[in-house]
Amino acid sequence: MSEPPRIGPQRPLAVGALRAFEGVARHLNFRVAAEQLHLTQPAVSRQIKTLEDELGAVLFVRGTRKVELTGAGTLLLQVVSPFLDQLDATVRQLRSRERRAPVAVTTFPSFASLWLLPRLAAFQQAQPDIDIRISAADAMAGFDDPEIDLALRYCLPKDAPAGSTLMFGEVMTPVASPALVARERLQTPADLARHTLLEEDDQRPSAAYLTWHHWLREKAPPRLAPRGWMYLNYTYQQIQAALAGQGVALARLALVSEPLARGDLVEPFGAAGRLTSPYAYWLVRWPARRERAPLASFERWLLHEAESTREELGAIAAPAASAASAASAAAHAAPPARVAG
């Protein structure tokens, strides 16, 4: 009865030995392969010997002046060469993906649409190697979310989590399209009786300072009634309706500085029509975030843009910002709170 065939080693081949084999096979030279692999020539020879023992086959014919592949070596090279190319390409892709891990920002939809996105093109042009992921939602994400680096939120100073940075305060102002103002008189608050008011349909506590009812009590003649009302879900919808000439919006000045600067919107009552609010905009740093250069660069840019917005708001916003800063110092002694959008 004949003996069963002997079974050779079953463990996987070491990638280092395969690299040494591919290097020698490509150059047919042990010395050159060793230099490219940053190994000594004896180390490469040992790896090839180990590989031959593992396979049970001779891979090279070693002459005095030349090295040649055997049939087994040629067969192995046909498999090993594309395998190593694919492995190296995958490693490069993974390393590139890690280097370009996006900076993840969460904020509320209106702030993303009206403040962040219009400014972001300049950052991307200056920093093309930094990717940004924006998640726009009214609900505050949990602090245990590992996918978030920072948040841009709107709240009272006492509700800002510890370590937050004040970006700028809140100023409300009526705005309208130039075409609407040219079509229908709008020089004093009393003229609002001729117009439709665009109102955000919001039941959150912060909305008490954002409503036309609050502004009318402070700025308009008693019992003034507008021609009509249009209720919308979000701030950016109000602004879109105002741009379209559908009515007069009570806007957050910080969020309409761009269309005001372009002349797409106007403040019919100027500084006299502005009201401050105790609410403010904050940069909130996530506890679980991983500090890295792209994140630091993006955060510096955000704070620079926030400083520019504070300058645009001018003296009207300064009292709100100062009050927010003072209250923030006391608030930061308290445990972190959840922040409304």
C-alpha atoms as a PDB file:
ATOM      1  CA  MET A   1       0.000   0.000   0.000  1.00  0.00           C
ATOM      2  CA  SER A   2       1.457   3.384  -0.969  1.00  0.00           C
ATOM      3  CA  GLU A   3       2.043   6.139   1.602  1.00  0.00           C
ATOM      4  CA  PRO A   4      -0.302   9.190   1.542  1.00  0.00           C
ATOM      5  CA  PRO A   5       1.226  12.323   0.026  1.00  0.00           C
ATOM      6  CA  ARG A   6       3.041  14.575   2.452  1.00  0.00           C
ATOM      7  CA  ILE A   7       1.236  17.836   3.218  1.00  0.00           C
ATOM      8  CA  GLY A   8       3.457  20.900   3.412  1.00  0.00           C
ATOM      9  CA  PRO A   9       3.030  23.919   5.735  1.00  0.00           C
ATOM     10  CA  GLN A  10      -0.497  25.344   5.735  1.00  0.00           C
ATOM     11  CA  ARG A  11       0.081  28.740   7.386  1.00  0.00           C
ATOM     12  CA  PRO A  12      -0.226  31.888   5.196  1.00  0.00           C
ATOM     13  CA  LEU A  13       2.891  33.229   3.521  1.00  0.00           C
ATOM     14  CA  ALA A  14       4.486  36.309   5.099  1.00  0.00           C
ATOM     15  CA  VAL A  15       4.018  39.475   3.053  1.00  0.00           C
ATOM     16  CA  GLY A  16       7.618  40.504   3.832  1.00  0.00           C
ATOM     17  CA  ALA A  17       8.963  37.391   2.154  1.00  0.00           C
ATOM     18  CA  LEU A  18       6.729  37.973  -0.862  1.00  0.00           C
ATOM     19  CA  ARG A  19       8.032  41.551  -1.158  1.00  0.00           C
ATOM     20  CA  ALA A  20      11.602  40.278  -1.034  1.00  0.00           C
ATOM     21  CA  PHE A  21      10.796  37.695  -3.722  1.00  0.00           C
ATOM     22  CA  GLU A  22       9.095  40.290  -5.952  1.00  0.00           C
ATOM     23  CA  GLY A  23      12.027  42.677  -5.578  1.00  0.00           C
ATOM     24  CA  VAL A  24      14.627  40.076  -6.514  1.00  0.00           C
ATOM     25  CA  ALA A  25      12.448  38.753  -9.361  1.00  0.00           C
ATOM     26  CA  ARG A  26      11.952  42.248 -10.789  1.00  0.00           C
ATOM     27  CA  HIS A  27      15.661  43.178 -10.733  1.00  0.00           C
ATOM     28  CA  LEU A  28      17.185  39.671 -10.844  1.00  0.00           C
ATOM     29  CA  ASN A  29      19.646  41.073  -8.348  1.00  0.00           C
ATOM     30  CA  PHE A  30      19.716  40.440  -4.581  1.00  0.00           C
ATOM     31  CA  ARG A  31      21.770  43.561  -3.811  1.00  0.00           C
ATOM     32  CA  VAL A  32      19.481  45.987  -5.656  1.00  0.00           C
ATOM     33  CA  ALA A  33      16.373  44.406  -4.117  1.00  0.00           C
ATOM     34  CA  ALA A  34      17.891  44.726  -0.638  1.00  0.00           C
ATOM     35  CA  GLU A  35      18.668  48.426  -1.173  1.00  0.00           C
ATOM     36  CA  GLN A  36      15.112  49.182  -2.319  1.00  0.00           C
ATOM     37  CA  LEU A  37      13.620  47.277   0.622  1.00  0.00           C
ATOM     38  CA  HIS A  38      16.049  48.959   3.083  1.00  0.00           C
ATOM     39  CA  LEU A  39      17.339  45.536   4.162  1.00  0.00           C
ATOM     40  CA  THR A  40      20.717  43.854   4.099  1.00  0.00           C
ATOM     41  CA  GLN A  41      21.477  41.413   1.299  1.00  0.00           C
ATOM     42  CA  PRO A  42      21.800  38.463   3.751  1.00  0.00           C
ATOM     43  CA  ALA A  43      18.356  39.340   5.198  1.00  0.00           C
ATOM     44  CA  VAL A  44      16.798  39.182   1.731  1.00  0.00           C
ATOM     45  CA  SER A  45      18.559  35.877   1.024  1.00  0.00           C
ATOM     46  CA  ARG A  46      17.167  34.423   4.272  1.00  0.00           C
ATOM     47  CA  GLN A  47      13.617  35.562   3.373  1.00  0.00           C
ATOM     48  CA  ILE A  48      13.875  33.921  -0.067  1.00  0.00           C
ATOM     49  CA  LYS A  49      15.222  30.702   1.499  1.00  0.00           C
ATOM     50  CA  THR A  50      12.377  30.672   4.018  1.00  0.00           C
ATOM     51  CA  LEU A  51       9.835  31.225   1.232  1.00  0.00           C
ATOM     52  CA  GLU A  52      11.316  28.387  -0.843  1.00  0.00           C
ATOM     53  CA  ASP A  53      11.149  26.092   2.198  1.00  0.00           C
ATOM     54  CA  GLU A  54       7.512  27.096   2.790  1.00  0.00           C
ATOM     55  CA  LEU A  55       6.583  26.380  -0.834  1.00  0.00           C
ATOM     56  CA  GLY A  56       8.772  23.330  -1.268  1.00  0.00           C
ATOM     57  CA  ALA A  57      10.035  24.758  -4.552  1.00  0.00           C
ATOM     58  CA  VAL A  58      13.171  26.516  -5.804  1.00  0.00           C
ATOM     59  CA  LEU A  59      12.351  30.031  -7.052  1.00  0.00           C
ATOM     60  CA  PHE A  60      15.733  31.244  -8.351  1.00  0.00           C
ATOM     61  CA  VAL A  61      18.742  29.749 -10.066  1.00  0.00           C
ATOM     62  CA  ARG A  62      21.689  31.548  -8.507  1.00  0.00           C
ATOM     63  CA  GLY A  63      24.727  31.803 -10.797  1.00  0.00           C
ATOM     64  CA  THR A  64      28.086  33.453 -10.262  1.00  0.00           C
ATOM     65  CA  ARG A  65      27.170  36.564 -12.200  1.00  0.00           C
ATOM     66  CA  LYS A  66      23.411  36.338 -12.676  1.00  0.00           C
ATOM     67  CA  VAL A  67      20.142  35.281 -11.080  1.00  0.00           C
ATOM     68  CA  GLU A  68      17.310  33.658 -13.050  1.00  0.00           C
ATOM     69  CA  LEU A  69      13.742  32.718 -12.214  1.00  0.00           C
ATOM     70  CA  THR A  70      12.792  29.060 -12.257  1.00  0.00           C
ATOM     71  CA  GLY A  71       9.472  27.889 -13.660  1.00  0.00           C
ATOM     72  CA  ALA A  72       8.004  27.939 -10.146  1.00  0.00           C
ATOM     73  CA  GLY A  73       9.359  31.449  -9.616  1.00  0.00           C
ATOM     74  CA  THR A  74       7.823  32.678 -12.856  1.00  0.00           C
ATOM     75  CA  LEU A  75       4.452  31.199 -11.894  1.00  0.00           C
ATOM     76  CA  LEU A  76       4.563  32.761  -8.424  1.00  0.00           C
ATOM     77  CA  LEU A  77       5.569  36.188  -9.802  1.00  0.00           C
ATOM     78  CA  GLN A  78       2.477  36.270 -12.032  1.00  0.00           C
ATOM     79  CA  VAL A  79       0.332  36.119  -8.888  1.00  0.00           C
ATOM     80  CA  VAL A  80       2.474  38.075  -6.421  1.00  0.00           C
ATOM     81  CA  SER A  81       3.139  41.160  -8.579  1.00  0.00           C
ATOM     82  CA  PRO A  82      -0.537  42.225  -9.107  1.00  0.00           C
ATOM     83  CA  PHE A  83      -1.362  41.232  -5.509  1.00  0.00           C
ATOM     84  CA  LEU A  84       1.278  43.598  -4.099  1.00  0.00           C
ATOM     85  CA  ASP A  85       0.201  46.373  -6.499  1.00  0.00           C
ATOM     86  CA  GLN A  86      -3.402  46.046  -5.303  1.00  0.00           C
ATOM     87  CA  LEU A  87      -2.308  45.893  -1.656  1.00  0.00           C
ATOM     88  CA  ASP A  88      -0.198  49.044  -1.995  1.00  0.00           C
ATOM     89  CA  ALA A  89      -2.996  50.912  -3.802  1.00  0.00           C
ATOM     90  CA  THR A  90      -5.446  50.014  -1.041  1.00  0.00           C
ATOM     91  CA  VAL A  91      -3.023  51.121   1.662  1.00  0.00           C
ATOM     92  CA  ARG A  92      -2.486  54.461  -0.122  1.00  0.00           C
ATOM     93  CA  GLN A  93      -6.242  54.939  -0.368  1.00  0.00           C
ATOM     94  CA  LEU A  94      -6.767  54.209   3.322  1.00  0.00           C
ATOM     95  CA  ARG A  95      -3.942  56.519   4.368  1.00  0.00           C
ATOM     96  CA  SER A  96      -5.284  59.274   2.132  1.00  0.00           C
ATOM     97  CA  ARG A  97      -8.760  58.814   3.556  1.00  0.00           C
ATOM     98  CA  GLU A  98      -7.406  59.105   7.078  1.00  0.00           C
ATOM     99  CA  ARG A  99      -5.465  62.267   6.238  1.00  0.00           C
ATOM    100  CA  ARG A 100      -8.627  63.723   4.647  1.00  0.00           C
ATOM    101  CA  ALA A 101     -10.962  62.681   7.450  1.00  0.00           C
ATOM    102  CA  PRO A 102     -13.637  65.394   7.187  1.00  0.00           C
ATOM    103  CA  VAL A 103     -14.227  67.986   9.861  1.00  0.00           C
ATOM    104  CA  ALA A 104     -17.765  67.199  11.041  1.00  0.00           C
ATOM    105  CA  VAL A 105     -19.989  70.143  11.982  1.00  0.00           C
ATOM    106  CA  THR A 106     -23.543  70.022  13.258  1.00  0.00           C
ATOM    107  CA  THR A 107     -25.771  73.096  13.265  1.00  0.00           C
ATOM    108  CA  PHE A 108     -29.382  74.102  12.694  1.00  0.00           C
ATOM    109  CA  PRO A 109     -30.677  74.368   9.102  1.00  0.00           C
ATOM    110  CA  SER A 110     -31.191  78.125   8.930  1.00  0.00           C
ATOM    111  CA  PHE A 111     -27.707  78.884  10.239  1.00  0.00           C
ATOM    112  CA  ALA A 112     -26.194  76.445   7.763  1.00  0.00           C
ATOM    113  CA  SER A 113     -28.120  77.946   4.834  1.00  0.00           C
ATOM    114  CA  LEU A 114     -27.803  81.639   5.669  1.00  0.00           C
ATOM    115  CA  TRP A 115     -24.483  82.029   7.493  1.00  0.00           C
ATOM    116  CA  LEU A 116     -22.170  79.028   7.116  1.00  0.00           C
ATOM    117  CA  LEU A 117     -22.625  77.880   3.510  1.00  0.00           C
ATOM    118  CA  PRO A 118     -22.304  81.345   1.887  1.00  0.00           C
ATOM    119  CA  ARG A 119     -18.913  81.755   3.586  1.00  0.00           C
ATOM    120  CA  LEU A 120     -17.648  78.197   3.156  1.00  0.00           C
ATOM    121  CA  ALA A 121     -16.580  78.571  -0.485  1.00  0.00           C
ATOM    122  CA  ALA A 122     -13.777  80.951   0.559  1.00  0.00           C
ATOM    123  CA  PHE A 123     -12.484  78.435   3.121  1.00  0.00           C
ATOM    124  CA  GLN A 124     -12.559  75.578   0.608  1.00  0.00           C
ATOM    125  CA  GLN A 125     -10.673  77.663  -1.920  1.00  0.00           C
ATOM    126  CA  ALA A 126      -8.002  78.498   0.660  1.00  0.00           C
ATOM    127  CA  GLN A 127      -7.881  74.970   2.142  1.00  0.00           C
ATOM    128  CA  PRO A 128      -8.721  72.516  -0.682  1.00  0.00           C
ATOM    129  CA  ASP A 129      -7.220  69.567   1.236  1.00  0.00           C
ATOM    130  CA  ILE A 130      -9.715  69.855   4.117  1.00  0.00           C
ATOM    131  CA  ASP A 131     -13.088  68.157   3.677  1.00  0.00           C
ATOM    132  CA  ILE A 132     -16.123  69.387   5.617  1.00  0.00           C
ATOM    133  CA  ARG A 133     -19.207  67.380   6.568  1.00  0.00           C
ATOM    134  CA  ILE A 134     -22.208  69.467   7.660  1.00  0.00           C
ATOM    135  CA  SER A 135     -25.157  67.936   9.482  1.00  0.00           C
ATOM    136  CA  ALA A 136     -28.058  70.379   9.702  1.00  0.00           C
ATOM    137  CA  ALA A 137     -30.709  69.488  12.271  1.00  0.00           C
ATOM    138  CA  ASP A 138     -32.759  71.360  14.852  1.00  0.00           C
ATOM    139  CA  ALA A 139     -32.152  68.712  17.525  1.00  0.00           C
ATOM    140  CA  MET A 140     -28.836  68.840  19.352  1.00  0.00           C
ATOM    141  CA  ALA A 141     -26.756  65.705  18.785  1.00  0.00           C
ATOM    142  CA  GLY A 142     -25.555  63.768  21.804  1.00  0.00           C
ATOM    143  CA  PHE A 143     -22.144  64.575  23.259  1.00  0.00           C
ATOM    144  CA  ASP A 144     -21.244  60.891  22.975  1.00  0.00           C
ATOM    145  CA  ASP A 145     -21.475  60.999  19.164  1.00  0.00           C
ATOM    146  CA  PRO A 146     -17.942  60.156  17.943  1.00  0.00           C
ATOM    147  CA  GLU A 147     -18.652  61.400  14.409  1.00  0.00           C
ATOM    148  CA  ILE A 148     -18.977  65.085  15.415  1.00  0.00           C
ATOM    149  CA  ASP A 149     -16.169  67.579  16.018  1.00  0.00           C
ATOM    150  CA  LEU A 150     -18.076  70.751  16.836  1.00  0.00           C
ATOM    151  CA  ALA A 151     -21.500  72.398  16.766  1.00  0.00           C
ATOM    152  CA  LEU A 152     -22.717  75.889  15.922  1.00  0.00           C
ATOM    153  CA  ARG A 153     -25.747  76.584  18.074  1.00  0.00           C
ATOM    154  CA  TYR A 154     -28.158  79.258  19.287  1.00  0.00           C
ATOM    155  CA  CYS A 155     -29.004  79.536  22.972  1.00  0.00           C
ATOM    156  CA  LEU A 156     -28.978  81.636  26.107  1.00  0.00           C
ATOM    157  CA  PRO A 157     -25.564  82.054  27.765  1.00  0.00           C
ATOM    158  CA  LYS A 158     -26.630  79.957  30.751  1.00  0.00           C
ATOM    159  CA  ASP A 159     -27.381  77.031  28.405  1.00  0.00           C
ATOM    160  CA  ALA A 160     -24.065  77.103  26.548  1.00  0.00           C
ATOM    161  CA  PRO A 161     -22.028  73.988  27.456  1.00  0.00           C
ATOM    162  CA  ALA A 162     -18.776  74.456  29.355  1.00  0.00           C
ATOM    163  CA  GLY A 163     -15.913  75.348  27.028  1.00  0.00           C
ATOM    164  CA  SER A 164     -18.152  76.922  24.378  1.00  0.00           C
ATOM    165  CA  THR A 165     -17.000  80.080  22.619  1.00  0.00           C
ATOM    166  CA  LEU A 166     -19.316  83.006  21.970  1.00  0.00           C
ATOM    167  CA  MET A 167     -19.441  83.802  18.263  1.00  0.00           C
ATOM    168  CA  PHE A 168     -21.794  86.796  18.197  1.00  0.00           C
ATOM    169  CA  GLY A 169     -24.984  88.141  19.710  1.00  0.00           C
ATOM    170  CA  GLU A 170     -28.440  88.453  18.218  1.00  0.00           C
ATOM    171  CA  VAL A 171     -29.984  91.511  16.551  1.00  0.00           C
ATOM    172  CA  MET A 172     -33.402  91.443  14.879  1.00  0.00           C
ATOM    173  CA  THR A 173     -34.349  93.835  12.068  1.00  0.00           C
ATOM    174  CA  PRO A 174     -37.159  94.146   9.486  1.00  0.00           C
ATOM    175  CA  VAL A 175     -36.008  93.460   5.911  1.00  0.00           C
ATOM    176  CA  ALA A 176     -37.704  93.584   2.524  1.00  0.00           C
ATOM    177  CA  SER A 177     -36.825  93.440  -1.140  1.00  0.00           C
ATOM    178  CA  PRO A 178     -36.048  96.777  -2.864  1.00  0.00           C
ATOM    179  CA  ALA A 179     -38.835  96.027  -5.345  1.00  0.00           C
ATOM    180  CA  LEU A 180     -41.411  95.723  -2.543  1.00  0.00           C
ATOM    181  CA  VAL A 181     -40.262  98.971  -0.925  1.00  0.00           C
ATOM    182  CA  ALA A 182     -40.465 100.737  -4.295  1.00  0.00           C
ATOM    183  CA  ARG A 183     -43.948  99.346  -4.926  1.00  0.00           C
ATOM    184  CA  GLU A 184     -45.515 100.079  -1.531  1.00  0.00           C
ATOM    185  CA  ARG A 185     -44.589 102.809   0.981  1.00  0.00           C
ATOM    186  CA  LEU A 186     -42.435 101.500   3.874  1.00  0.00           C
ATOM    187  CA  GLN A 187     -40.722 104.386   5.662  1.00  0.00           C
ATOM    188  CA  THR A 188     -42.041 104.117   9.229  1.00  0.00           C
ATOM    189  CA  PRO A 189     -43.352 101.231  11.361  1.00  0.00           C
ATOM    190  CA  ALA A 190     -46.888 102.561  10.811  1.00  0.00           C
ATOM    191  CA  ASP A 191     -46.503 101.688   7.113  1.00  0.00           C
ATOM    192  CA  LEU A 192     -46.447  97.975   8.016  1.00  0.00           C
ATOM    193  CA  ALA A 193     -50.234  98.191   7.988  1.00  0.00           C
ATOM    194  CA  ARG A 194     -49.903  98.143   4.176  1.00  0.00           C
ATOM    195  CA  HIS A 195     -47.817  94.958   4.102  1.00  0.00           C
ATOM    196  CA  THR A 196     -47.845  91.218   4.681  1.00  0.00           C
ATOM    197  CA  LEU A 197     -45.578  90.153   7.542  1.00  0.00           C
ATOM    198  CA  LEU A 198     -43.540  86.972   7.147  1.00  0.00           C
ATOM    199  CA  GLU A 199     -43.564  85.127  10.463  1.00  0.00           C
ATOM    200  CA  GLU A 200     -41.655  82.043  11.589  1.00  0.00           C
ATOM    201  CA  ASP A 201     -44.060  79.464  13.016  1.00  0.00           C
ATOM    202  CA  ASP A 202     -41.872  78.421  15.957  1.00  0.00           C
ATOM    203  CA  GLN A 203     -43.001  77.357  19.432  1.00  0.00           C
ATOM    204  CA  ARG A 204     -39.565  77.188  21.090  1.00  0.00           C
ATOM    205  CA  PRO A 205     -38.746  79.624  23.956  1.00  0.00           C
ATOM    206  CA  SER A 206     -36.201  81.455  21.797  1.00  0.00           C
ATOM    207  CA  ALA A 207     -38.992  82.393  19.367  1.00  0.00           C
ATOM    208  CA  ALA A 208     -40.399  84.906  21.861  1.00  0.00           C
ATOM    209  CA  TYR A 209     -37.682  87.340  20.733  1.00  0.00           C
ATOM    210  CA  LEU A 210     -37.961  86.455  17.035  1.00  0.00           C
ATOM    211  CA  THR A 211     -41.635  87.206  16.446  1.00  0.00           C
ATOM    212  CA  TRP A 212     -43.240  90.172  14.805  1.00  0.00           C
ATOM    213  CA  HIS A 213     -45.571  90.436  17.834  1.00  0.00           C
ATOM    214  CA  HIS A 214     -42.573  91.198  20.059  1.00  0.00           C
ATOM    215  CA  TRP A 215     -41.173  93.709  17.568  1.00  0.00           C
ATOM    216  CA  LEU A 216     -44.536  95.434  17.069  1.00  0.00           C
ATOM    217  CA  ARG A 217     -44.976  95.876  20.828  1.00  0.00           C
ATOM    218  CA  GLU A 218     -41.560  97.524  21.025  1.00  0.00           C
ATOM    219  CA  LYS A 219     -41.433  99.578  17.824  1.00  0.00           C
ATOM    220  CA  ALA A 220     -44.854 100.055  16.204  1.00  0.00           C
ATOM    221  CA  PRO A 221     -47.871 102.236  17.061  1.00  0.00           C
ATOM    222  CA  PRO A 222     -50.307 100.536  19.472  1.00  0.00           C
ATOM    223  CA  ARG A 223     -52.736  98.002  17.976  1.00  0.00           C
ATOM    224  CA  LEU A 224     -51.134  98.152  14.537  1.00  0.00           C
ATOM    225  CA  ALA A 225     -52.474  95.358  12.324  1.00  0.00           C
ATOM    226  CA  PRO A 226     -50.648  94.355   9.127  1.00  0.00           C
ATOM    227  CA  ARG A 227     -52.486  93.716   5.871  1.00  0.00           C
ATOM    228  CA  GLY A 228     -51.834  89.996   6.288  1.00  0.00           C
ATOM    229  CA  TRP A 229     -49.631  87.254   7.688  1.00  0.00           C
ATOM    230  CA  MET A 230     -47.622  84.466   6.085  1.00  0.00           C
ATOM    231  CA  TYR A 231     -46.397  81.754   8.474  1.00  0.00           C
ATOM    232  CA  LEU A 232     -43.338  79.664   7.568  1.00  0.00           C
ATOM    233  CA  ASN A 233     -41.493  76.819   9.281  1.00  0.00           C
ATOM    234  CA  TYR A 234     -37.910  78.030   9.036  1.00  0.00           C
ATOM    235  CA  THR A 235     -35.915  81.252   9.093  1.00  0.00           C
ATOM    236  CA  TYR A 236     -34.421  80.639   5.652  1.00  0.00           C
ATOM    237  CA  GLN A 237     -37.960  80.299   4.237  1.00  0.00           C
ATOM    238  CA  GLN A 238     -38.785  83.746   5.615  1.00  0.00           C
ATOM    239  CA  ILE A 239     -35.734  85.193   3.906  1.00  0.00           C
ATOM    240  CA  GLN A 240     -36.537  83.471   0.609  1.00  0.00           C
ATOM    241  CA  ALA A 241     -40.058  84.886   0.741  1.00  0.00           C
ATOM    242  CA  ALA A 242     -38.682  88.360   1.495  1.00  0.00           C
ATOM    243  CA  LEU A 243     -36.243  88.120  -1.426  1.00  0.00           C
ATOM    244  CA  ALA A 244     -39.186  87.183  -3.643  1.00  0.00           C
ATOM    245  CA  GLY A 245     -41.078  90.311  -2.563  1.00  0.00           C
ATOM    246  CA  GLN A 246     -43.846  88.382  -0.808  1.00  0.00           C
ATOM    247  CA  GLY A 247     -43.711  90.405   2.397  1.00  0.00           C
ATOM    248  CA  VAL A 248     -41.567  91.925   5.142  1.00  0.00           C
ATOM    249  CA  ALA A 249     -39.473  89.551   7.252  1.00  0.00           C
ATOM    250  CA  LEU A 250     -38.179  90.108  10.765  1.00  0.00           C
ATOM    251  CA  ALA A 251     -34.663  88.841  10.162  1.00  0.00           C
ATOM    252  CA  ARG A 252     -31.698  87.873  12.283  1.00  0.00           C
ATOM    253  CA  LEU A 253     -29.252  90.549  11.193  1.00  0.00           C
ATOM    254  CA  ALA A 254     -26.237  88.234  11.404  1.00  0.00           C
ATOM    255  CA  LEU A 255     -27.888  85.831   8.952  1.00  0.00           C
ATOM    256  CA  VAL A 256     -28.801  88.422   6.314  1.00  0.00           C
ATOM    257  CA  SER A 257     -25.625  90.499   6.189  1.00  0.00           C
ATOM    258  CA  GLU A 258     -24.724  89.034   2.769  1.00  0.00           C
ATOM    259  CA  PRO A 259     -28.019  89.884   0.961  1.00  0.00           C
ATOM    260  CA  LEU A 260     -28.045  93.292   2.690  1.00  0.00           C
ATOM    261  CA  ALA A 261     -24.499  94.000   1.492  1.00  0.00           C
ATOM    262  CA  ARG A 262     -25.450  92.967  -2.054  1.00  0.00           C
ATOM    263  CA  GLY A 263     -28.595  95.103  -2.005  1.00  0.00           C
ATOM    264  CA  ASP A 264     -30.889  92.104  -2.461  1.00  0.00           C
ATOM    265  CA  LEU A 265     -32.578  93.112   0.805  1.00  0.00           C
ATOM    266  CA  VAL A 266     -32.895  96.460   2.557  1.00  0.00           C
ATOM    267  CA  GLU A 267     -33.579  97.545   6.136  1.00  0.00           C
ATOM    268  CA  PRO A 268     -36.468  99.997   5.642  1.00  0.00           C
ATOM    269  CA  PHE A 269     -36.111 101.472   9.142  1.00  0.00           C
ATOM    270  CA  GLY A 270     -32.326 101.256   9.426  1.00  0.00           C
ATOM    271  CA  ALA A 271     -30.730 101.022  12.871  1.00  0.00           C
ATOM    272  CA  ALA A 272     -33.887 102.441  14.437  1.00  0.00           C
ATOM    273  CA  GLY A 273     -35.714  99.238  13.567  1.00  0.00           C
ATOM    274  CA  ARG A 274     -33.258  96.891  15.261  1.00  0.00           C
ATOM    275  CA  LEU A 275     -33.865  94.979  18.498  1.00  0.00           C
ATOM    276  CA  THR A 276     -31.334  92.949  20.485  1.00  0.00           C
ATOM    277  CA  SER A 277     -32.011  89.572  22.074  1.00  0.00           C
ATOM    278  CA  PRO A 278     -30.428  87.770  25.041  1.00  0.00           C
ATOM    279  CA  TYR A 279     -29.811  84.743  22.807  1.00  0.00           C
ATOM    280  CA  ALA A 280     -26.475  84.318  21.034  1.00  0.00           C
ATOM    281  CA  TYR A 281     -24.569  82.033  18.657  1.00  0.00           C
ATOM    282  CA  TRP A 282     -21.965  79.658  20.077  1.00  0.00           C
ATOM    283  CA  LEU A 283     -19.200  77.351  18.911  1.00  0.00           C
ATOM    284  CA  VAL A 284     -19.516  74.134  20.944  1.00  0.00           C
ATOM    285  CA  ARG A 285     -16.594  71.680  21.039  1.00  0.00           C
ATOM    286  CA  TRP A 286     -17.446  67.981  21.239  1.00  0.00           C
ATOM    287  CA  PRO A 287     -15.765  66.111  24.126  1.00  0.00           C
ATOM    288  CA  ALA A 288     -15.065  63.033  21.989  1.00  0.00           C
ATOM    289  CA  ARG A 289     -13.518  64.877  19.073  1.00  0.00           C
ATOM    290  CA  ARG A 290     -10.012  63.973  17.892  1.00  0.00           C
ATOM    291  CA  GLU A 291      -7.751  67.000  17.790  1.00  0.00           C
ATOM    292  CA  ARG A 292      -5.958  67.375  14.452  1.00  0.00           C
ATOM    293  CA  ALA A 293      -4.596  70.101  12.204  1.00  0.00           C
ATOM    294  CA  PRO A 294      -7.582  70.344   9.769  1.00  0.00           C
ATOM    295  CA  LEU A 295      -9.992  70.764  12.694  1.00  0.00           C
ATOM    296  CA  ALA A 296      -7.825  73.458  14.278  1.00  0.00           C
ATOM    297  CA  SER A 297      -7.602  75.288  10.945  1.00  0.00           C
ATOM    298  CA  PHE A 298     -11.368  75.154  10.403  1.00  0.00           C
ATOM    299  CA  GLU A 299     -12.067  76.335  13.937  1.00  0.00           C
ATOM    300  CA  ARG A 300      -9.706  79.320  13.526  1.00  0.00           C
ATOM    301  CA  TRP A 301     -11.508  80.214  10.302  1.00  0.00           C
ATOM    302  CA  LEU A 302     -14.927  79.989  11.987  1.00  0.00           C
ATOM    303  CA  LEU A 303     -13.867  82.297  14.797  1.00  0.00           C
ATOM    304  CA  HIS A 304     -12.378  84.755  12.297  1.00  0.00           C
ATOM    305  CA  GLU A 305     -15.671  84.811  10.381  1.00  0.00           C
ATOM    306  CA  ALA A 306     -17.548  85.249  13.647  1.00  0.00           C
ATOM    307  CA  GLU A 307     -15.357  88.242  14.479  1.00  0.00           C
ATOM    308  CA  SER A 308     -16.192  89.748  11.082  1.00  0.00           C
ATOM    309  CA  THR A 309     -19.894  89.251  11.797  1.00  0.00           C
ATOM    310  CA  ARG A 310     -19.534  90.966  15.168  1.00  0.00           C
ATOM    311  CA  GLU A 311     -17.948  93.926  13.403  1.00  0.00           C
ATOM    312  CA  GLU A 312     -20.807  93.981  10.900  1.00  0.00           C
ATOM    313  CA  LEU A 313     -23.361  94.012  13.693  1.00  0.00           C
ATOM    314  CA  GLY A 314     -21.540  96.998  15.134  1.00  0.00           C
ATOM    315  CA  ALA A 315     -22.425  98.863  18.277  1.00  0.00           C
ATOM    316  CA  ILE A 316     -26.018  97.582  18.237  1.00  0.00           C
ATOM    317  CA  ALA A 317     -24.808  94.017  18.871  1.00  0.00           C
ATOM    318  CA  ALA A 318     -22.112  94.958  21.374  1.00  0.00           C
ATOM    319  CA  PRO A 319     -24.365  95.150  24.478  1.00  0.00           C
ATOM    320  CA  ALA A 320     -25.821  91.713  23.736  1.00  0.00           C
ATOM    321  CA  ALA A 321     -22.390  90.210  23.185  1.00  0.00           C
ATOM    322  CA  SER A 322     -21.011  91.777  26.366  1.00  0.00           C
ATOM    323  CA  ALA A 323     -23.942  90.538  28.403  1.00  0.00           C
ATOM    324  CA  ALA A 324     -23.562  87.096  26.878  1.00  0.00           C
ATOM    325  CA  SER A 325     -19.846  87.010  27.708  1.00  0.00           C
ATOM    326  CA  ALA A 326     -20.460  87.956  31.335  1.00  0.00           C
ATOM    327  CA  ALA A 327     -23.243  85.421  31.730  1.00  0.00           C
ATOM    328  CA  SER A 328     -21.142  82.775  29.977  1.00  0.00           C
ATOM    329  CA  ALA A 329     -18.381  83.029  32.580  1.00  0.00           C
ATOM    330  CA  ALA A 330     -20.872  82.160  35.306  1.00  0.00           C
ATOM    331  CA  ALA A 331     -22.597  79.508  33.219  1.00  0.00           C
ATOM    332  CA  HIS A 332     -19.364  77.628  32.515  1.00  0.00           C
ATOM    333  CA  ALA A 333     -19.036  76.761  36.194  1.00  0.00           C
ATOM    334  CA  ALA A 334     -22.172  74.614  35.807  1.00  0.00           C
ATOM    335  CA  PRO A 335     -22.363  71.111  34.235  1.00  0.00           C
ATOM    336  CA  PRO A 336     -22.787  70.945  30.424  1.00  0.00           C
ATOM    337  CA  ALA A 337     -26.350  71.497  29.211  1.00  0.00           C
ATOM    338  CA  ARG A 338     -28.123  70.512  26.040  1.00  0.00           C
ATOM    339  CA  VAL A 339     -28.546  73.354  23.570  1.00  0.00           C
ATOM    340  CA  ALA A 340     -31.596  74.107  21.474  1.00  0.00           C
ATOM    341  CA  GLY A 341     -31.174  74.787  17.773  1.00  0.00           C
END
